Amino acid sequence: MGLVGNSPMSLLLILAIVLLVFGPGKLKHLGRDLGEALKQFRGAIKEEPKEEHEDK
């Protein structure tokens, strides 16, 4: 099947490569930053634009 598929073996290989490139300490910070960014993104999506509703 190749590396393009979603097999668990290919995901483990990608995780191992990322771990080797960034190291465990940097990976921890990257995960935390990514989680915070997703949290802020979800919060921004849930907010309704107030300016558009006031004009109408």
PDB file of N, CA and C in Angstrom:
ATOM      1  N   MET A   1       0.814  -1.178   0.000  1.00  0.00           N
ATOM      2  CA  MET A   1       0.000   0.000   0.000  1.00  0.00           C
ATOM      3  C   MET A   1       0.867   1.254   0.000  1.00  0.00           C
ATOM      4  N   GLY A   2       2.001   1.393   0.464  1.00  0.00           N
ATOM      5  CA  GLY A   2       2.793   2.612   0.400  1.00  0.00           C
ATOM      6  C   GLY A   2       2.585   3.506   1.608  1.00  0.00           C
ATOM      7  N   LEU A   3       3.275   4.615   1.631  1.00  0.00           N
ATOM      8  CA  LEU A   3       3.204   5.533   2.767  1.00  0.00           C
ATOM      9  C   LEU A   3       2.012   6.470   2.729  1.00  0.00           C
ATOM     10  N   VAL A   4       1.295   6.515   1.630  1.00  0.00           N
ATOM     11  CA  VAL A   4       0.198   7.460   1.494  1.00  0.00           C
ATOM     12  C   VAL A   4      -1.025   7.014   2.293  1.00  0.00           C
ATOM     13  N   GLY A   5      -1.172   5.738   2.558  1.00  0.00           N
ATOM     14  CA  GLY A   5      -2.345   5.209   3.247  1.00  0.00           C
ATOM     15  C   GLY A   5      -2.402   5.614   4.708  1.00  0.00           C
ATOM     16  N   ASN A   6      -3.496   5.269   5.354  1.00  0.00           N
ATOM     17  CA  ASN A   6      -3.717   5.620   6.755  1.00  0.00           C
ATOM     18  C   ASN A   6      -3.452   4.443   7.682  1.00  0.00           C
ATOM     19  N   SER A   7      -2.570   3.559   7.298  1.00  0.00           N
ATOM     20  CA  SER A   7      -2.309   2.399   8.134  1.00  0.00           C
ATOM     21  C   SER A   7      -1.605   2.822   9.418  1.00  0.00           C
ATOM     22  N   PRO A   8      -1.806   2.081  10.489  1.00  0.00           N
ATOM     23  CA  PRO A   8      -1.146   2.432  11.756  1.00  0.00           C
ATOM     24  C   PRO A   8       0.380   2.439  11.647  1.00  0.00           C
ATOM     25  N   MET A   9       0.922   1.587  10.797  1.00  0.00           N
ATOM     26  CA  MET A   9       2.374   1.532  10.645  1.00  0.00           C
ATOM     27  C   MET A   9       2.913   2.825  10.036  1.00  0.00           C
ATOM     28  N   SER A  10       2.208   3.382   9.055  1.00  0.00           N
ATOM     29  CA  SER A  10       2.679   4.628   8.444  1.00  0.00           C
ATOM     30  C   SER A  10       2.545   5.792   9.419  1.00  0.00           C
ATOM     31  N   LEU A  11       1.494   5.788  10.242  1.00  0.00           N
ATOM     32  CA  LEU A  11       1.341   6.840  11.246  1.00  0.00           C
ATOM     33  C   LEU A  11       2.443   6.764  12.303  1.00  0.00           C
ATOM     34  N   LEU A  12       2.817   5.548  12.697  1.00  0.00           N
ATOM     35  CA  LEU A  12       3.915   5.389  13.644  1.00  0.00           C
ATOM     36  C   LEU A  12       5.237   5.847  13.047  1.00  0.00           C
ATOM     37  N   LEU A  13       5.438   5.590  11.772  1.00  0.00           N
ATOM     38  CA  LEU A  13       6.655   6.026  11.095  1.00  0.00           C
ATOM     39  C   LEU A  13       6.729   7.550  11.057  1.00  0.00           C
ATOM     40  N   ILE A  14       5.622   8.191  10.736  1.00  0.00           N
ATOM     41  CA  ILE A  14       5.587   9.659  10.707  1.00  0.00           C
ATOM     42  C   ILE A  14       5.844  10.219  12.104  1.00  0.00           C
ATOM     43  N   LEU A  15       5.241   9.634  13.127  1.00  0.00           N
ATOM     44  CA  LEU A  15       5.457  10.078  14.501  1.00  0.00           C
ATOM     45  C   LEU A  15       6.915   9.918  14.909  1.00  0.00           C
ATOM     46  N   ALA A  16       7.547   8.810  14.519  1.00  0.00           N
ATOM     47  CA  ALA A  16       8.955   8.589  14.847  1.00  0.00           C
ATOM     48  C   ALA A  16       9.847   9.617  14.170  1.00  0.00           C
ATOM     49  N   ILE A  17       9.556   9.950  12.926  1.00  0.00           N
ATOM     50  CA  ILE A  17      10.352  10.947  12.208  1.00  0.00           C
ATOM     51  C   ILE A  17      10.197  12.319  12.858  1.00  0.00           C
ATOM     52  N   VAL A  18       8.971  12.690  13.205  1.00  0.00           N
ATOM     53  CA  VAL A  18       8.733  13.978  13.861  1.00  0.00           C
ATOM     54  C   VAL A  18       9.451  14.022  15.205  1.00  0.00           C
ATOM     55  N   LEU A  19       9.426  12.928  15.944  1.00  0.00           N
ATOM     56  CA  LEU A  19      10.101  12.864  17.235  1.00  0.00           C
ATOM     57  C   LEU A  19      11.608  13.009  17.075  1.00  0.00           C
ATOM     58  N   LEU A  20      12.171  12.397  16.044  1.00  0.00           N
ATOM     59  CA  LEU A  20      13.608  12.521  15.794  1.00  0.00           C
ATOM     60  C   LEU A  20      13.991  13.938  15.378  1.00  0.00           C
ATOM     61  N   VAL A  21      13.156  14.581  14.589  1.00  0.00           N
ATOM     62  CA  VAL A  21      13.475  15.919  14.090  1.00  0.00           C
ATOM     63  C   VAL A  21      13.359  16.955  15.203  1.00  0.00           C
ATOM     64  N   PHE A  22      12.270  16.933  15.956  1.00  0.00           N
ATOM     65  CA  PHE A  22      12.013  17.970  16.950  1.00  0.00           C
ATOM     66  C   PHE A  22      12.501  17.617  18.347  1.00  0.00           C
ATOM     67  N   GLY A  23      12.553  16.361  18.681  1.00  0.00           N
ATOM     68  CA  GLY A  23      12.923  15.962  20.035  1.00  0.00           C
ATOM     69  C   GLY A  23      11.722  16.014  20.958  1.00  0.00           C
ATOM     70  N   PRO A  24      11.788  15.291  22.076  1.00  0.00           N
ATOM     71  CA  PRO A  24      10.620  15.214  22.963  1.00  0.00           C
ATOM     72  C   PRO A  24      10.257  16.543  23.625  1.00  0.00           C
ATOM     73  N   GLY A  25      11.235  17.355  23.982  1.00  0.00           N
ATOM     74  CA  GLY A  25      10.939  18.636  24.639  1.00  0.00           C
ATOM     75  C   GLY A  25      10.237  19.604  23.715  1.00  0.00           C
ATOM     76  N   LYS A  26      10.746  19.732  22.502  1.00  0.00           N
ATOM     77  CA  LYS A  26      10.152  20.649  21.529  1.00  0.00           C
ATOM     78  C   LYS A  26       8.777  20.145  21.096  1.00  0.00           C
ATOM     79  N   LEU A  27       8.620  18.825  20.999  1.00  0.00           N
ATOM     80  CA  LEU A  27       7.337  18.246  20.605  1.00  0.00           C
ATOM     81  C   LEU A  27       6.262  18.556  21.647  1.00  0.00           C
ATOM     82  N   LYS A  28       6.650  18.573  22.919  1.00  0.00           N
ATOM     83  CA  LYS A  28       5.703  18.906  23.990  1.00  0.00           C
ATOM     84  C   LYS A  28       5.209  20.341  23.832  1.00  0.00           C
ATOM     85  N   HIS A  29       6.118  21.260  23.543  1.00  0.00           N
ATOM     86  CA  HIS A  29       5.739  22.664  23.359  1.00  0.00           C
ATOM     87  C   HIS A  29       4.908  22.858  22.090  1.00  0.00           C
ATOM     88  N   LEU A  30       5.254  22.131  21.030  1.00  0.00           N
ATOM     89  CA  LEU A  30       4.481  22.239  19.791  1.00  0.00           C
ATOM     90  C   LEU A  30       3.055  21.754  19.998  1.00  0.00           C
ATOM     91  N   GLY A  31       2.888  20.657  20.728  1.00  0.00           N
ATOM     92  CA  GLY A  31       1.556  20.141  21.014  1.00  0.00           C
ATOM     93  C   GLY A  31       0.732  21.105  21.843  1.00  0.00           C
ATOM     94  N   ARG A  32       1.366  21.714  22.825  1.00  0.00           N
ATOM     95  CA  ARG A  32       0.670  22.685  23.672  1.00  0.00           C
ATOM     96  C   ARG A  32       0.251  23.906  22.861  1.00  0.00           C
ATOM     97  N   ASP A  33       1.149  24.399  22.025  1.00  0.00           N
ATOM     98  CA  ASP A  33       0.833  25.569  21.197  1.00  0.00           C
ATOM     99  C   ASP A  33      -0.271  25.259  20.191  1.00  0.00           C
ATOM    100  N   LEU A  34      -0.232  24.060  19.619  1.00  0.00           N
ATOM    101  CA  LEU A  34      -1.266  23.665  18.667  1.00  0.00           C
ATOM    102  C   LEU A  34      -2.623  23.552  19.353  1.00  0.00           C
ATOM    103  N   GLY A  35      -2.648  22.983  20.544  1.00  0.00           N
ATOM    104  CA  GLY A  35      -3.894  22.880  21.302  1.00  0.00           C
ATOM    105  C   GLY A  35      -4.469  24.239  21.650  1.00  0.00           C
ATOM    106  N   GLU A  36      -3.611  25.172  22.037  1.00  0.00           N
ATOM    107  CA  GLU A  36      -4.068  26.529  22.364  1.00  0.00           C
ATOM    108  C   GLU A  36      -4.609  27.230  21.124  1.00  0.00           C
ATOM    109  N   ALA A  37      -3.945  27.031  19.989  1.00  0.00           N
ATOM    110  CA  ALA A  37      -4.412  27.652  18.748  1.00  0.00           C
ATOM    111  C   ALA A  37      -5.773  27.093  18.339  1.00  0.00           C
ATOM    112  N   LEU A  38      -5.962  25.788  18.476  1.00  0.00           N
ATOM    113  CA  LEU A  38      -7.258  25.185  18.149  1.00  0.00           C
ATOM    114  C   LEU A  38      -8.355  25.685  19.087  1.00  0.00           C
ATOM    115  N   LYS A  39      -8.017  25.858  20.354  1.00  0.00           N
ATOM    116  CA  LYS A  39      -8.986  26.364  21.327  1.00  0.00           C
ATOM    117  C   LYS A  39      -9.431  27.778  20.961  1.00  0.00           C
ATOM    118  N   GLN A  40      -8.487  28.628  20.590  1.00  0.00           N
ATOM    119  CA  GLN A  40      -8.821  29.994  20.197  1.00  0.00           C
ATOM    120  C   GLN A  40      -9.609  30.013  18.891  1.00  0.00           C
ATOM    121  N   PHE A  41      -9.271  29.125  17.972  1.00  0.00           N
ATOM    122  CA  PHE A  41      -9.981  29.052  16.695  1.00  0.00           C
ATOM    123  C   PHE A  41     -11.434  28.650  16.909  1.00  0.00           C
ATOM    124  N   ARG A  42     -11.659  27.652  17.756  1.00  0.00           N
ATOM    125  CA  ARG A  42     -13.032  27.219  18.044  1.00  0.00           C
ATOM    126  C   ARG A  42     -13.825  28.332  18.722  1.00  0.00           C
ATOM    127  N   GLY A  43     -13.180  29.059  19.616  1.00  0.00           N
ATOM    128  CA  GLY A  43     -13.848  30.177  20.280  1.00  0.00           C
ATOM    129  C   GLY A  43     -14.222  31.273  19.300  1.00  0.00           C
ATOM    130  N   ALA A  44     -13.351  31.529  18.330  1.00  0.00           N
ATOM    131  CA  ALA A  44     -13.635  32.559  17.327  1.00  0.00           C
ATOM    132  C   ALA A  44     -14.768  32.131  16.409  1.00  0.00           C
ATOM    133  N   ILE A  45     -14.865  30.854  16.125  1.00  0.00           N
ATOM    134  CA  ILE A  45     -15.945  30.359  15.265  1.00  0.00           C
ATOM    135  C   ILE A  45     -17.292  30.482  15.983  1.00  0.00           C
ATOM    136  N   LYS A  46     -17.310  30.208  17.281  1.00  0.00           N
ATOM    137  CA  LYS A  46     -18.568  30.251  18.033  1.00  0.00           C
ATOM    138  C   LYS A  46     -19.091  31.667  18.224  1.00  0.00           C
ATOM    139  N   GLU A  47     -18.197  32.651  18.224  1.00  0.00           N
ATOM    140  CA  GLU A  47     -18.625  34.038  18.384  1.00  0.00           C
ATOM    141  C   GLU A  47     -19.356  34.509  17.136  1.00  0.00           C
ATOM    142  N   GLU A  48     -20.457  35.183  17.346  1.00  0.00           N
ATOM    143  CA  GLU A  48     -21.184  35.755  16.217  1.00  0.00           C
ATOM    144  C   GLU A  48     -20.644  37.143  15.937  1.00  0.00           C
ATOM    145  N   PRO A  49     -20.522  37.498  14.690  1.00  0.00           N
ATOM    146  CA  PRO A  49     -20.089  38.869  14.387  1.00  0.00           C
ATOM    147  C   PRO A  49     -21.170  39.862  14.812  1.00  0.00           C
ATOM    148  N   LYS A  50     -20.858  40.721  15.757  1.00  0.00           N
ATOM    149  CA  LYS A  50     -21.844  41.640  16.322  1.00  0.00           C
ATOM    150  C   LYS A  50     -22.077  42.846  15.427  1.00  0.00           C
ATOM    151  N   GLU A  51     -21.091  43.259  14.672  1.00  0.00           N
ATOM    152  CA  GLU A  51     -21.208  44.454  13.838  1.00  0.00           C
ATOM    153  C   GLU A  51     -22.232  44.276  12.720  1.00  0.00           C
ATOM    154  N   GLU A  52     -22.307  43.109  12.136  1.00  0.00           N
ATOM    155  CA  GLU A  52     -23.240  42.873  11.035  1.00  0.00           C
ATOM    156  C   GLU A  52     -24.682  42.927  11.514  1.00  0.00           C
ATOM    157  N   HIS A  53     -24.954  42.427  12.712  1.00  0.00           N
ATOM    158  CA  HIS A  53     -26.319  42.397  13.220  1.00  0.00           C
ATOM    159  C   HIS A  53     -26.795  43.770  13.674  1.00  0.00           C
ATOM    160  N   GLU A  54     -25.899  44.641  14.086  1.00  0.00           N
ATOM    161  CA  GLU A  54     -26.292  45.966  14.550  1.00  0.00           C
ATOM    162  C   GLU A  54     -26.712  46.867  13.401  1.00  0.00           C
ATOM    163  N   ASP A  55     -26.147  46.668  12.207  1.00  0.00           N
ATOM    164  CA  ASP A  55     -26.464  47.507  11.059  1.00  0.00           C
ATOM    165  C   ASP A  55     -27.858  47.239  10.516  1.00  0.00           C
ATOM    166  N   LYS A  56     -28.369  46.065  10.696  1.00  0.00           N
ATOM    167  CA  LYS A  56     -29.656  45.686  10.098  1.00  0.00           C
ATOM    168  C   LYS A  56     -30.816  45.992  10.987  1.00  0.00           C
TER     169      LYS A  56
END
